Protein backbone atom coordinates (compact mmCIF):
# COMPACT_ATOMS: atom_id res chain seq x y z
CA MET A 1 0.11 -0.36 0.12
CA GLY A 2 3.06 2.40 0.84
CA GLU A 3 3.48 4.88 2.89
CA LYS A 4 0.00 6.40 4.68
CA GLU A 5 -1.47 10.04 3.08
CA ARG A 6 -0.71 12.94 5.33
CA TRP A 7 -2.13 16.42 5.13
CA GLY A 8 1.12 18.67 3.81
CA THR A 9 0.24 21.79 6.52
CA ARG A 10 -1.77 22.65 9.27
CA VAL A 11 -3.26 25.47 7.31
CA GLY A 12 -4.60 23.32 4.42
CA LEU A 13 -6.17 20.85 6.92
CA ILE A 14 -7.99 23.44 8.64
CA LEU A 15 -9.03 24.92 5.46
CA ALA A 16 -10.07 21.38 4.12
CA MET A 17 -11.97 20.78 7.46
CA SER A 18 -13.84 24.12 7.24
CA GLY A 19 -14.45 23.01 3.61
CA ASN A 20 -16.04 19.71 5.13
CA ALA A 21 -18.15 22.01 7.52
CA VAL A 22 -18.91 25.22 5.61
CA GLY A 23 -21.42 24.16 2.42
CA LEU A 24 -24.82 24.76 1.13
CA GLY A 25 -26.64 24.51 4.93
CA ASN A 26 -24.49 27.52 5.71
CA PHE A 27 -26.16 29.71 2.87
CA LEU A 28 -29.24 28.65 2.13
CA ARG A 29 -30.70 26.15 5.32
CA PHE A 30 -29.64 28.16 8.18
CA PRO A 31 -31.31 31.36 7.31
CA VAL A 32 -34.13 29.43 6.85
CA GLN A 33 -34.46 27.60 9.69
CA ALA A 34 -33.36 30.31 12.05
CA ALA A 35 -36.14 32.49 9.94
CA GLN A 36 -38.94 29.60 10.71
CA ASN A 37 -38.20 28.82 14.23
CA GLY A 38 -37.84 31.93 16.45
CA GLY A 39 -35.39 34.32 14.68
CA GLY A 40 -33.37 35.89 17.30
CA ALA A 41 -34.50 32.97 19.85
CA PHE A 42 -33.38 30.42 17.48
CA MET A 43 -29.73 31.27 18.53
CA ILE A 44 -30.44 30.34 22.05
CA PRO A 45 -31.12 26.37 21.65
CA TYR A 46 -28.57 26.52 18.48
CA PHE A 47 -25.75 27.65 20.68
CA ILE A 48 -26.86 25.28 22.95
CA CYS A 49 -26.82 22.38 21.11
CA PHE A 50 -23.57 23.48 19.27
CA LEU A 51 -21.84 23.51 22.81
CA LEU A 52 -23.26 20.05 24.27
CA LEU A 53 -23.82 18.25 21.13
CA GLY A 54 -21.57 19.76 18.08
CA ILE A 55 -18.24 20.57 20.00
CA PRO A 56 -17.95 17.32 21.96
CA LEU A 57 -19.27 15.03 18.88
CA MET A 58 -17.13 17.17 16.66
CA TRP A 59 -13.64 16.34 19.21
CA VAL A 60 -15.11 12.36 19.59
CA GLU A 61 -14.96 12.12 15.75
CA TRP A 62 -11.33 13.67 15.16
CA SER A 63 -10.05 11.20 18.05
CA ILE A 64 -11.64 7.92 16.70
CA GLY A 65 -10.32 9.06 13.23
CA ARG A 66 -6.79 9.46 14.58
CA HIS A 67 -6.79 6.86 16.72
CA GLY A 68 -7.78 4.64 13.47
CA GLY A 69 -5.18 6.45 11.33
CA LYS A 70 -2.76 5.52 13.97
CA TYR A 71 -3.73 1.29 12.36
CA GLY A 72 -3.90 2.85 9.03
CA HIS A 73 -8.05 3.09 8.74
CA SER A 74 -9.32 6.11 7.27
CA SER A 75 -12.90 4.81 6.64
CA THR A 76 -15.26 3.99 9.90
CA PRO A 77 -15.61 0.10 9.62
CA GLY A 78 -12.01 -0.09 10.89
CA MET A 79 -12.06 2.88 13.34
CA MET A 80 -14.90 0.98 14.97
CA GLU A 81 -13.29 -1.79 15.25
CA ARG A 82 -10.82 -0.57 16.98
CA ILE A 83 -12.34 1.36 19.73
CA TRP A 84 -15.14 -1.84 20.47
CA ASP A 85 -13.14 -5.06 20.22
CA HIS A 86 -16.48 -7.21 19.02
CA PRO A 87 -17.41 -8.77 15.23
CA ALA A 88 -20.54 -6.27 14.69
CA ALA A 89 -17.94 -3.40 15.25
CA LYS A 90 -17.34 -3.06 11.24
CA TYR A 91 -20.99 -3.63 10.07
CA VAL A 92 -21.41 -0.51 12.94
CA GLY A 93 -18.81 1.42 10.76
CA VAL A 94 -20.65 0.67 7.28
CA LEU A 95 -23.10 3.30 8.49
CA GLY A 96 -20.06 5.86 7.96
CA LEU A 97 -19.76 4.68 4.58
CA PHE A 98 -23.64 4.18 3.60
CA MET A 99 -24.23 8.41 4.39
CA PRO A 100 -21.63 9.56 2.49
CA MET A 101 -22.08 7.20 -0.12
CA ILE A 102 -25.84 8.37 -0.70
CA VAL A 103 -25.68 11.94 0.31
CA MET A 104 -22.98 12.00 -2.53
CA ILE A 105 -25.49 10.99 -4.76
CA TYR A 106 -27.65 13.55 -4.46
CA TYR A 107 -25.74 16.27 -3.42
CA THR A 108 -23.38 16.05 -6.43
CA TYR A 109 -26.23 16.76 -8.36
CA ILE A 110 -27.25 20.13 -6.32
CA GLU A 111 -24.22 21.31 -6.44
CA SER A 112 -24.35 20.84 -10.20
CA TRP A 113 -26.97 23.77 -10.09
CA SER A 114 -24.95 26.29 -8.64
CA LEU A 115 -22.16 25.67 -11.63
CA GLY A 116 -25.00 26.02 -13.79
CA TYR A 117 -26.80 28.91 -12.28
CA ALA A 118 -23.30 30.63 -12.37
CA ILE A 119 -23.42 30.16 -15.84
CA PHE A 120 -26.89 31.06 -16.87
CA THR A 121 -26.47 34.30 -14.42
CA ALA A 122 -23.45 35.49 -16.01
CA THR A 123 -24.93 35.39 -19.45
CA GLY A 124 -28.48 36.91 -18.75
CA GLY A 125 -29.81 33.10 -19.43
CA TYR A 126 -32.92 34.27 -17.13
CA TRP A 127 -32.70 37.27 -17.13
CA GLY A 128 -36.18 39.61 -17.65
CA ALA A 129 -38.00 37.12 -14.93
CA THR A 130 -37.64 39.68 -12.40
CA GLU A 131 -40.95 37.63 -10.49
CA PHE A 132 -40.64 34.77 -8.28
CA ALA A 133 -43.36 32.23 -10.26
CA PRO A 134 -41.15 32.44 -13.42
CA MET A 135 -37.56 31.82 -12.02
CA GLN A 136 -39.42 28.83 -10.28
CA ALA A 137 -40.74 27.85 -13.25
CA PHE A 138 -37.04 28.39 -15.10
CA LEU A 139 -35.52 25.73 -12.26
CA HIS A 140 -38.33 23.33 -12.61
CA SER A 141 -37.60 23.19 -16.23
CA TYR A 142 -34.06 22.98 -15.50
CA GLN A 143 -34.95 20.09 -13.06
CA GLY A 144 -37.03 18.08 -15.94
CA ILE A 145 -40.05 19.28 -13.53
CA PRO A 146 -43.35 20.22 -15.95
CA ILE A 147 -44.68 23.14 -15.78
CA ASP A 148 -47.65 25.00 -16.78
CA MET A 149 -47.47 27.28 -19.43
CA ALA A 150 -50.77 28.21 -19.39
CA ASN A 151 -50.09 30.66 -16.34
CA PRO A 152 -49.94 33.91 -17.58
CA GLU A 153 -47.09 34.95 -15.09
CA ILE A 154 -44.55 32.02 -16.59
CA ALA A 155 -45.99 32.54 -19.96
CA ASN A 156 -45.34 36.10 -20.48
CA ALA A 157 -42.03 36.28 -18.53
CA GLY A 158 -40.10 36.94 -21.76
CA ILE A 159 -37.14 34.21 -21.15
CA SER A 160 -36.80 30.45 -22.60
CA TYR A 161 -37.24 27.67 -20.45
CA PHE A 162 -35.71 24.37 -20.80
CA SER A 163 -37.15 21.92 -23.19
CA SER A 164 -35.40 19.08 -21.58
CA ILE A 165 -33.49 17.55 -18.61
CA TRP A 166 -29.92 17.58 -20.55
CA PRO A 167 -28.58 20.56 -19.32
CA ALA A 168 -28.94 19.28 -16.09
CA TYR A 169 -27.78 16.35 -17.26
CA ILE A 170 -24.56 17.56 -19.00
CA LEU A 171 -23.66 20.35 -15.88
CA PHE A 172 -23.94 17.11 -13.16
CA ILE A 173 -21.53 15.25 -15.37
CA ILE A 174 -18.82 18.14 -15.72
CA THR A 175 -19.36 18.51 -11.73
CA LEU A 176 -19.03 14.57 -10.86
CA ALA A 177 -15.85 14.45 -13.22
CA CYS A 178 -14.40 17.57 -11.32
CA ASN A 179 -14.77 15.60 -7.64
CA ILE A 180 -13.54 12.53 -9.04
CA TRP A 181 -10.47 14.62 -10.61
CA ILE A 182 -9.30 16.34 -7.52
CA LEU A 183 -10.32 12.83 -5.32
CA SER A 184 -8.05 11.10 -7.96
CA LYS A 185 -4.85 13.44 -6.49
CA GLY A 186 -5.11 12.86 -3.08
CA VAL A 187 -5.53 13.98 -0.07
CA SER A 188 -2.49 16.88 0.05
CA GLY A 189 -2.75 17.21 -3.85
CA GLY A 190 -5.79 17.31 -4.49
CA ILE A 191 -8.03 18.03 -1.49
CA GLU A 192 -6.12 20.07 0.43
CA VAL A 193 -5.06 22.43 -2.93
CA MET A 194 -8.92 22.65 -3.63
CA ALA A 195 -9.47 23.81 0.12
CA LYS A 196 -6.18 26.33 -0.10
CA ILE A 197 -7.89 27.91 -3.37
CA ALA A 198 -11.49 27.75 -2.67
CA MET A 199 -12.04 28.93 0.72
CA PRO A 200 -10.14 32.23 0.69
CA THR A 201 -12.43 32.93 -2.28
CA LEU A 202 -15.27 31.91 -0.62
CA PHE A 203 -15.14 33.84 1.85
CA LEU A 204 -14.07 36.59 -0.21
CA PHE A 205 -17.35 36.53 -2.16
CA ALA A 206 -19.44 36.09 1.17
CA ILE A 207 -18.07 39.53 2.08
CA VAL A 208 -18.10 41.30 -1.27
CA LEU A 209 -22.04 39.74 -1.32
CA VAL A 210 -22.77 40.35 2.74
CA ILE A 211 -21.42 44.40 1.70
CA ARG A 212 -23.65 44.45 -0.49
CA VAL A 213 -26.92 43.24 1.03
CA LEU A 214 -26.50 45.95 3.49
CA THR A 215 -26.08 48.75 0.95
CA LEU A 216 -29.39 47.49 -0.43
CA GLY A 217 -31.45 49.97 1.73
CA THR A 218 -35.13 50.30 0.60
CA PRO A 219 -35.46 49.18 -3.13
CA ASP A 220 -38.89 49.51 -3.36
CA PRO A 221 -40.23 51.90 -0.78
CA SER A 222 -44.00 51.06 -1.78
CA ILE A 223 -43.64 47.75 -0.24
CA PRO A 224 -44.38 48.03 3.50
CA GLU A 225 -41.27 46.67 5.75
CA ALA A 226 -39.29 46.32 2.78
CA SER A 227 -36.06 47.16 4.22
CA ILE A 228 -32.39 45.47 4.80
CA ALA A 229 -33.49 46.91 8.38
CA ALA A 230 -36.29 44.78 8.19
CA GLY A 231 -34.60 42.21 7.06
CA MET A 232 -32.15 41.78 9.53
CA GLY A 233 -34.88 41.72 12.21
CA PHE A 234 -36.47 39.04 10.63
CA VAL A 235 -34.04 36.61 11.21
CA TRP A 236 -32.49 38.14 14.85
CA ASN A 237 -35.37 39.68 16.72
CA PRO A 238 -36.41 36.85 19.46
CA VAL A 239 -39.26 35.27 19.25
CA PRO A 240 -39.24 34.19 22.96
CA GLU A 241 -42.24 32.03 22.88
CA ALA A 242 -40.26 29.56 20.25
CA LEU A 243 -37.79 28.39 23.59
CA THR A 244 -40.78 26.44 24.55
CA ASP A 245 -41.56 24.77 21.49
CA PRO A 246 -39.79 21.39 21.13
CA GLY A 247 -39.78 21.52 17.53
CA VAL A 248 -37.62 24.65 17.55
CA TRP A 249 -34.54 22.48 19.62
CA LEU A 250 -34.80 19.47 17.34
CA ALA A 251 -34.44 22.14 14.73
CA ALA A 252 -31.54 23.93 16.48
CA ALA A 253 -29.67 20.45 16.77
CA GLY A 254 -30.62 19.02 13.13
CA GLN A 255 -28.99 22.43 12.00
CA VAL A 256 -25.36 22.09 14.06
CA PHE A 257 -25.72 18.07 12.79
CA PHE A 258 -25.90 19.47 9.37
CA THR A 259 -23.60 22.02 9.55
CA LEU A 260 -20.55 20.55 11.21
CA SER A 261 -20.80 17.61 9.64
CA LEU A 262 -21.45 15.17 12.17
CA GLY A 263 -22.16 11.49 11.45
CA PHE A 264 -20.69 11.60 8.00
CA GLY A 265 -17.41 9.51 8.54
CA SER A 266 -16.29 12.36 7.12
CA ILE A 267 -13.94 13.92 9.77
CA GLN A 268 -12.68 10.78 10.93
CA CYS A 269 -11.51 9.98 7.23
CA TYR A 270 -9.92 13.93 7.64
CA ALA A 271 -8.14 13.09 10.66
CA SER A 272 -6.77 9.94 10.27
CA TYR A 273 -4.28 11.33 8.16
CA LEU A 274 -3.34 13.17 11.05
CA ARG A 275 -0.05 11.66 13.09
CA GLU A 276 -0.29 10.16 16.20
CA ASN A 277 0.50 13.29 18.38
CA ASP A 278 -0.72 15.78 15.88
CA ASP A 279 -2.97 18.49 17.89
CA ILE A 280 -6.81 17.38 17.42
CA ALA A 281 -8.45 19.76 20.43
CA LEU A 282 -7.59 22.86 19.20
CA THR A 283 -7.40 22.35 15.24
CA GLY A 284 -11.23 20.65 15.21
CA LEU A 285 -12.62 24.12 17.76
CA ALA A 286 -11.20 26.56 15.05
CA THR A 287 -12.50 24.67 11.95
CA GLY A 288 -15.68 24.65 14.04
CA SER A 289 -14.74 28.24 14.45
CA VAL A 290 -14.10 29.52 10.48
CA ASN A 291 -17.86 27.23 10.51
CA GLU A 292 -19.74 29.27 12.71
CA PHE A 293 -18.66 32.46 10.81
CA ALA A 294 -19.67 31.36 7.84
CA GLU A 295 -22.70 30.08 8.94
CA VAL A 296 -24.54 32.89 11.55
CA VAL A 297 -22.31 36.10 10.57
CA LEU A 298 -22.37 35.75 6.18
CA GLY A 299 -24.78 32.78 5.95
CA GLY A 300 -27.83 34.96 8.28
CA THR A 301 -26.77 38.21 6.77
CA LEU A 302 -27.52 37.16 2.67
CA ALA A 303 -30.70 34.84 1.13
CA ILE A 304 -33.13 36.03 4.06
CA PRO A 305 -32.52 39.54 4.61
CA ALA A 306 -31.93 40.75 0.75
CA ALA A 307 -35.17 38.82 0.10
CA VAL A 308 -37.42 40.88 3.08
CA ALA A 309 -35.43 44.18 1.45
CA PHE A 310 -37.13 43.47 -1.77
CA PHE A 311 -40.59 41.15 -0.85
CA GLY A 312 -41.46 42.65 2.56
CA ILE A 313 -41.42 40.52 5.62
CA GLU A 314 -45.02 38.65 4.53
CA ARG A 315 -44.23 37.45 1.15
CA THR A 316 -40.57 36.34 2.27
CA GLN A 317 -42.57 33.76 4.88
CA GLU A 318 -44.10 32.28 1.82
CA LEU A 319 -41.24 32.37 -0.04
CA ALA A 320 -38.79 31.09 2.56
CA GLN A 321 -40.28 27.50 3.32
CA SER A 322 -37.81 25.95 0.70
CA SER A 323 -33.71 26.39 0.56
CA PHE A 324 -33.87 25.35 -3.42
CA ASP A 325 -36.70 28.17 -3.92
CA LEU A 326 -34.69 30.69 -1.77
CA ALA A 327 -31.28 30.24 -3.77
CA PHE A 328 -32.45 29.35 -7.35
CA ALA A 329 -35.82 31.01 -7.83
CA VAL A 330 -35.76 34.30 -4.96
CA MET A 331 -31.99 35.33 -5.57
CA PRO A 332 -32.28 35.66 -9.24
CA SER A 333 -35.36 37.44 -9.58
CA LEU A 334 -33.59 40.36 -7.04
CA PHE A 335 -29.99 40.02 -8.57
CA GLN A 336 -32.17 40.89 -11.78
CA GLN A 337 -33.56 44.25 -9.79
CA ILE A 338 -30.17 45.83 -8.74
CA PRO A 339 -27.08 47.31 -10.69
CA GLY A 340 -24.47 44.74 -11.39
CA GLY A 341 -26.68 42.10 -10.89
CA GLN A 342 -25.08 39.30 -13.29
CA PHE A 343 -21.97 40.41 -11.59
CA PHE A 344 -23.03 39.78 -7.87
CA GLY A 345 -25.25 36.78 -9.22
CA ALA A 346 -22.51 35.20 -10.51
CA MET A 347 -20.94 35.39 -7.55
CA TRP A 348 -23.45 34.09 -5.31
CA PHE A 349 -23.90 31.04 -7.65
CA ALA A 350 -19.77 30.39 -7.54
CA LEU A 351 -20.02 30.97 -4.03
CA LEU A 352 -22.58 28.05 -3.22
CA PHE A 353 -20.54 26.14 -6.15
CA LEU A 354 -17.28 26.18 -4.08
CA ALA A 355 -19.27 25.83 -0.95
CA GLY A 356 -20.48 22.34 -2.37
CA ILE A 357 -17.38 20.72 -3.99
CA THR A 358 -15.46 21.43 -1.01
CA SER A 359 -18.00 19.83 1.25
CA SER A 360 -19.02 16.56 -1.22
CA LEU A 361 -14.82 16.18 -1.36
CA ALA A 362 -15.00 15.54 2.01
CA ILE A 363 -18.10 13.09 1.45
CA GLY A 364 -16.59 11.09 -1.07
CA GLN A 365 -13.36 10.64 0.59
CA PRO A 366 -14.29 7.66 3.06
CA ILE A 367 -15.58 5.74 0.27
CA MET A 368 -12.14 6.50 -1.59
CA ALA A 369 -10.28 5.38 1.88
CA PHE A 370 -12.25 2.27 2.03
CA LEU A 371 -11.71 1.28 -1.51
CA GLN A 372 -8.01 1.73 -1.41
CA GLU A 373 -7.19 0.71 1.92
CA GLU A 374 -9.57 -2.42 2.36
CA LEU A 375 -10.02 -3.47 -1.20
CA HIS A 376 -6.70 -2.45 -2.07
CA MET A 377 -7.56 -0.14 -5.27
CA SER A 378 -4.69 2.47 -6.36
CA ARG A 379 -5.80 5.79 -5.88
CA ASN A 380 -7.24 5.86 -9.58
CA LYS A 381 -8.83 3.13 -10.06
CA ALA A 382 -10.69 3.87 -6.93
CA ALA A 383 -11.75 7.33 -7.97
CA LEU A 384 -13.21 5.89 -11.24
CA THR A 385 -15.04 3.41 -9.14
CA LEU A 386 -16.51 6.11 -6.95
CA GLY A 387 -17.11 7.94 -9.82
CA ALA A 388 -19.55 5.40 -11.58
CA LEU A 389 -21.04 4.29 -8.27
CA VAL A 390 -22.36 8.21 -7.98
CA PHE A 391 -22.87 8.61 -11.44
CA VAL A 392 -25.49 5.02 -11.49
CA GLY A 393 -26.91 5.75 -8.56
CA CYS A 394 -27.99 9.25 -9.07
CA GLN A 395 -29.81 8.68 -12.15
CA PRO A 396 -33.08 7.54 -10.36
CA VAL A 397 -32.35 11.15 -8.29
CA ILE A 398 -32.26 13.03 -11.99
CA PHE A 399 -34.98 11.38 -13.78
CA TYR A 400 -37.22 11.09 -10.57
CA ASN A 401 -36.72 14.10 -8.36
CA GLN A 402 -40.43 14.88 -8.45
CA GLN A 403 -41.40 11.68 -7.45
CA GLY A 404 -39.20 11.60 -4.02
CA PHE A 405 -36.25 9.87 -4.60
CA LEU A 406 -33.86 13.21 -3.21
CA SER A 407 -36.14 14.04 -0.64
CA GLU A 408 -35.92 10.30 0.52
CA PHE A 409 -31.98 10.10 0.21
CA ASP A 410 -31.70 13.15 2.28
CA PHE A 411 -34.47 12.29 4.99
CA TRP A 412 -32.88 8.93 5.55
CA ALA A 413 -29.48 9.61 4.91
CA GLY A 414 -28.85 13.52 5.19
CA THR A 415 -30.50 13.71 7.97
CA PHE A 416 -32.10 10.96 10.15
CA GLY A 417 -29.02 8.53 9.78
CA LEU A 418 -26.68 11.09 11.32
CA VAL A 419 -28.05 11.38 14.76
CA VAL A 420 -28.23 7.44 14.52
CA PHE A 421 -24.83 6.96 13.61
CA ALA A 422 -23.75 10.05 15.98
CA THR A 423 -25.55 8.39 18.84
CA ILE A 424 -23.71 4.85 18.52
CA GLU A 425 -20.25 6.09 18.04
CA ILE A 426 -20.23 8.85 21.42
CA ILE A 427 -21.69 5.73 23.22
CA LEU A 428 -18.89 3.61 21.69
CA PHE A 429 -16.30 6.02 22.43
CA ALA A 430 -17.20 7.30 25.56
CA TRP A 431 -18.90 3.79 27.16
CA VAL A 432 -17.14 1.16 25.44
CA PHE A 433 -13.57 2.18 24.59
CA GLY A 434 -13.70 4.02 27.83
CA ILE A 435 -13.95 7.98 28.85
CA ASP A 436 -10.47 7.35 30.06
CA ARG A 437 -8.77 6.23 27.13
CA GLY A 438 -11.24 8.71 24.77
CA TRP A 439 -9.93 11.66 26.90
CA GLU A 440 -6.52 10.59 26.66
CA GLU A 441 -6.90 10.00 22.95
CA LEU A 442 -8.12 13.96 22.83
CA THR A 443 -6.10 15.68 24.59
CA ARG A 444 -2.84 13.86 23.40
CA GLY A 445 -0.73 16.95 21.87
CA ALA A 446 -3.30 19.61 22.54
CA ASP A 447 -2.44 23.30 21.51
CA MET A 448 -5.30 24.01 24.48
CA LYS A 449 -6.28 22.66 27.56
CA VAL A 450 -9.45 21.27 27.07
CA PRO A 451 -11.82 21.86 30.37
CA ARG A 452 -12.59 19.02 31.89
CA ILE A 453 -15.92 19.63 31.75
CA PHE A 454 -16.23 18.14 28.31
CA ARG A 455 -14.98 14.77 29.92
CA THR A 456 -18.56 14.66 31.91
CA ILE A 457 -20.47 16.22 28.71
CA ILE A 458 -19.19 13.58 26.55
CA LYS A 459 -20.25 11.00 28.79
CA TYR A 460 -23.17 11.77 30.22
CA VAL A 461 -24.57 15.01 28.38
CA THR A 462 -24.14 14.83 24.57
CA PRO A 463 -25.22 10.56 25.08
CA THR A 464 -28.16 11.41 26.48
CA MET A 465 -29.27 14.56 24.70
CA LEU A 466 -28.73 12.50 21.65
CA LEU A 467 -31.07 9.72 22.74
CA VAL A 468 -33.60 11.91 23.90
CA ILE A 469 -33.29 13.23 20.30
CA LEU A 470 -33.22 9.88 18.44
CA GLY A 471 -37.05 8.87 20.49
CA SER A 472 -38.26 12.16 19.48
CA TRP A 473 -37.35 11.21 15.71
CA VAL A 474 -38.53 7.63 16.60
CA PHE A 475 -41.62 8.40 18.24
CA SER A 476 -42.73 11.36 16.45
CA ILE A 477 -41.55 11.82 13.05
CA LEU A 478 -40.64 8.30 11.48
CA PRO A 479 -44.60 7.13 12.25
CA PRO A 480 -45.92 9.47 9.27
CA VAL A 481 -43.22 8.86 6.87
CA LEU A 482 -43.08 5.65 7.72
CA ARG A 483 -46.74 5.64 6.47
CA TYR A 484 -46.09 7.88 3.53
CA GLU A 485 -48.41 10.97 4.57
CA GLY A 486 -48.28 13.49 2.69
CA VAL A 487 -47.01 11.83 -0.20
CA ASN A 488 -49.09 12.32 -3.37
CA PRO A 489 -50.64 8.67 -3.74
CA ASP A 490 -48.87 8.65 -7.05
CA TYR A 491 -45.33 8.45 -6.18
CA ILE A 492 -45.83 6.32 -3.52
CA PRO A 493 -44.12 3.54 -5.73
CA TYR A 494 -41.09 5.54 -6.60
CA VAL A 495 -40.67 6.45 -2.53
CA ARG A 496 -40.85 2.70 -1.71
CA ALA A 497 -38.25 1.92 -4.49
CA ALA A 498 -35.88 4.59 -3.18
CA ARG A 499 -35.95 2.85 0.14
CA LEU A 500 -35.44 -0.38 -1.55
CA MET A 501 -32.50 1.14 -3.44
CA MET A 502 -30.76 2.88 -0.20
CA ILE A 503 -31.26 -1.02 1.61
CA GLY A 504 -29.60 -2.81 -1.53
CA ILE A 505 -27.13 0.05 -0.98
CA PHE A 506 -26.05 -0.66 2.78
CA ILE A 507 -26.32 -4.68 1.76
CA ALA A 508 -23.66 -4.43 -0.72
CA LEU A 509 -21.39 -2.03 1.29
CA CYS A 510 -21.77 -4.95 4.27
CA ALA A 511 -21.23 -7.53 1.78
CA ALA A 512 -17.92 -5.43 0.63
CA VAL A 513 -16.60 -5.22 4.51
CA ALA A 514 -17.26 -8.71 4.91
CA TYR A 515 -15.05 -9.46 1.55
CA ALA A 516 -12.92 -7.44 2.75
CA TRP A 517 -12.70 -8.66 6.14
CA ARG A 518 -12.09 -12.47 4.83
CA ASN A 519 -8.95 -11.16 2.60
CA ARG A 520 -6.97 -9.97 5.02
CA THR A 521 -3.44 -11.16 5.14
CA ASN A 522 -1.22 -7.63 6.09
CA GLY A 523 -1.19 -3.88 5.67
CA PRO A 524 -3.72 -1.64 7.22
CA GLY A 525 -6.73 -4.13 7.02
CA ALA A 526 -5.04 -6.62 8.96
CA THR A 527 -5.85 -7.67 12.16
CA ASP A 528 -2.46 -8.14 13.76
CA ALA A 529 -2.54 -4.25 12.28
C-alpha cells in the first residue's frame, strides 16, 4: 500500500476541514431554519446544541479518526473495530460509508445546479424574469419538472425555459468529473490544494455579497417593511415563545449536525491523515469556529435579509419555505433588480458551488479510503469506481426527483441517519472504548487545555441529549414518514423504490466489508495491525 497519505500543512488541514463543514447548508438551510423557528430566539437552542452536541461530537470524531489512522484505517469500519473489539463493530462502521455514499449521490447533483446557475447568471440566460413564479418555473424546467405554460406569469416572462433535462444532466457529469479528478489527486495533492483555493475565494465572495446586501437600503419604498433593516430584524429579532417549542430545539440540533457534518464519517476520515501526536483539540475548535462565522455571520446576512428588502416580510415568509426556491428562484429574481446584478449573481452561485464542492470532496473521501485501504485499489481505480457508483446511483435522483428520490435520500441518509450514527459512536467512544482512554486520545498533543467539564459532557450529557432527540424522531417523526403521510399517492411506488435502493446499497456495503475482512493478510486491514 505504501506510506499512508498525510496533510501537507496545518493550514491546509484547517481549510479542508472547514470546507467539509462549510457547505450549501450554511448559506441556504441556516437562514431558513432561523427565520422559521423564532428568529433571534432560535440562536439560544442553536448555541446550546453547538456547545453540548456539536463541539463534543466533533472532538469525538476527530479522536476516533486519528486513533483509527494510527492503525492504517481512514474509513469507519476499521475505526469502529479499533474502539469496540466485537465482530459487529465493522458493520456499525458501515454507516460511515452508507451515509456519505447516499449523500454524495444527490449532493453532487444539487452542487451542479450552482454551477449551471453561475453560467446562466453570467450570460443573462434568465434575465427578464424578475418575479418569483417565472424563476421557479425556470428552475423546474431545468430539473425536468413539467411547468404550466398556461400560467400568464410564466408565459409572459419573456425568457426561454428548458425543453429537456439534458443541460442539467451534462452539468451534473461535469461536476461529478471535477470531484473525481480532484479526489484522484489524493489528500494533499487534491483535496488540500482545492481547499487552499476554494475557501479563501468563498469567504471573499461572501464578504463582498454581505457588503452589497447591507447597502441595499429600501429598494422599493412602496412595499411595507421592505428594507434591509427589516430583513435583519426578521432573521434576528427574538420570538421568546419559540423556546418552549420542542420542534425548535429539534430544528436547532438538526442544524448543528448538518452544519458541522457530524455523523457522515468525513471528519473521522480527514482526521485519520494526522500523525499520532498532532493536535486535534485546538484544530477541531478552529474549524468549528470558521464554520460558525460562515454560517451565523455571513449566511445569516445574505439570502433572507436580501429577500425581505425586495419582497417584504410577509411575502418572504411564503418564499422561504424551501431552501432551493430561496437560492435558485428568489435570489436570481432580486439580482436582476440591482446594478451589477449579473456580477453579484454569478458571484453568489460561484460561492455556492465552491461551498458545495469542498463538502462533496469530504463526503467522497471515506469511500475512496475504504476502496484503497480495505479493497486495495489504486487511487485512480478507486476514484473511477466511486465516480461510476455515484453516476449510476444518481440516475433515479435526476429523472425521478419530483417523485421523491432526492427527498427520501436526504431524509434517511442526510438527516435521520446522521443522528443514529452519531449516537452509536459517542456511546462506543465514551462507554465501550472508555472515557479514560477517550480523554487521553483527545488531549494527547493538544495545543490547548481542554476544559475538563467536557469529559463529563462527552460521557453523560451528549449521549443523553442524542438519545432524547433520537427518541423524539422515532416516536413523532418516523411514524408519519413510514405511513407515507403527505406523499402523493402516485409517487408512493417511487418512494418505496428509493427506500429499497438504499437498503440494497447498505447490504452491498456490508458485503464489501465482509469480503475485505475475509481477505485480510497484512497492511492496514490486517487484524494484527
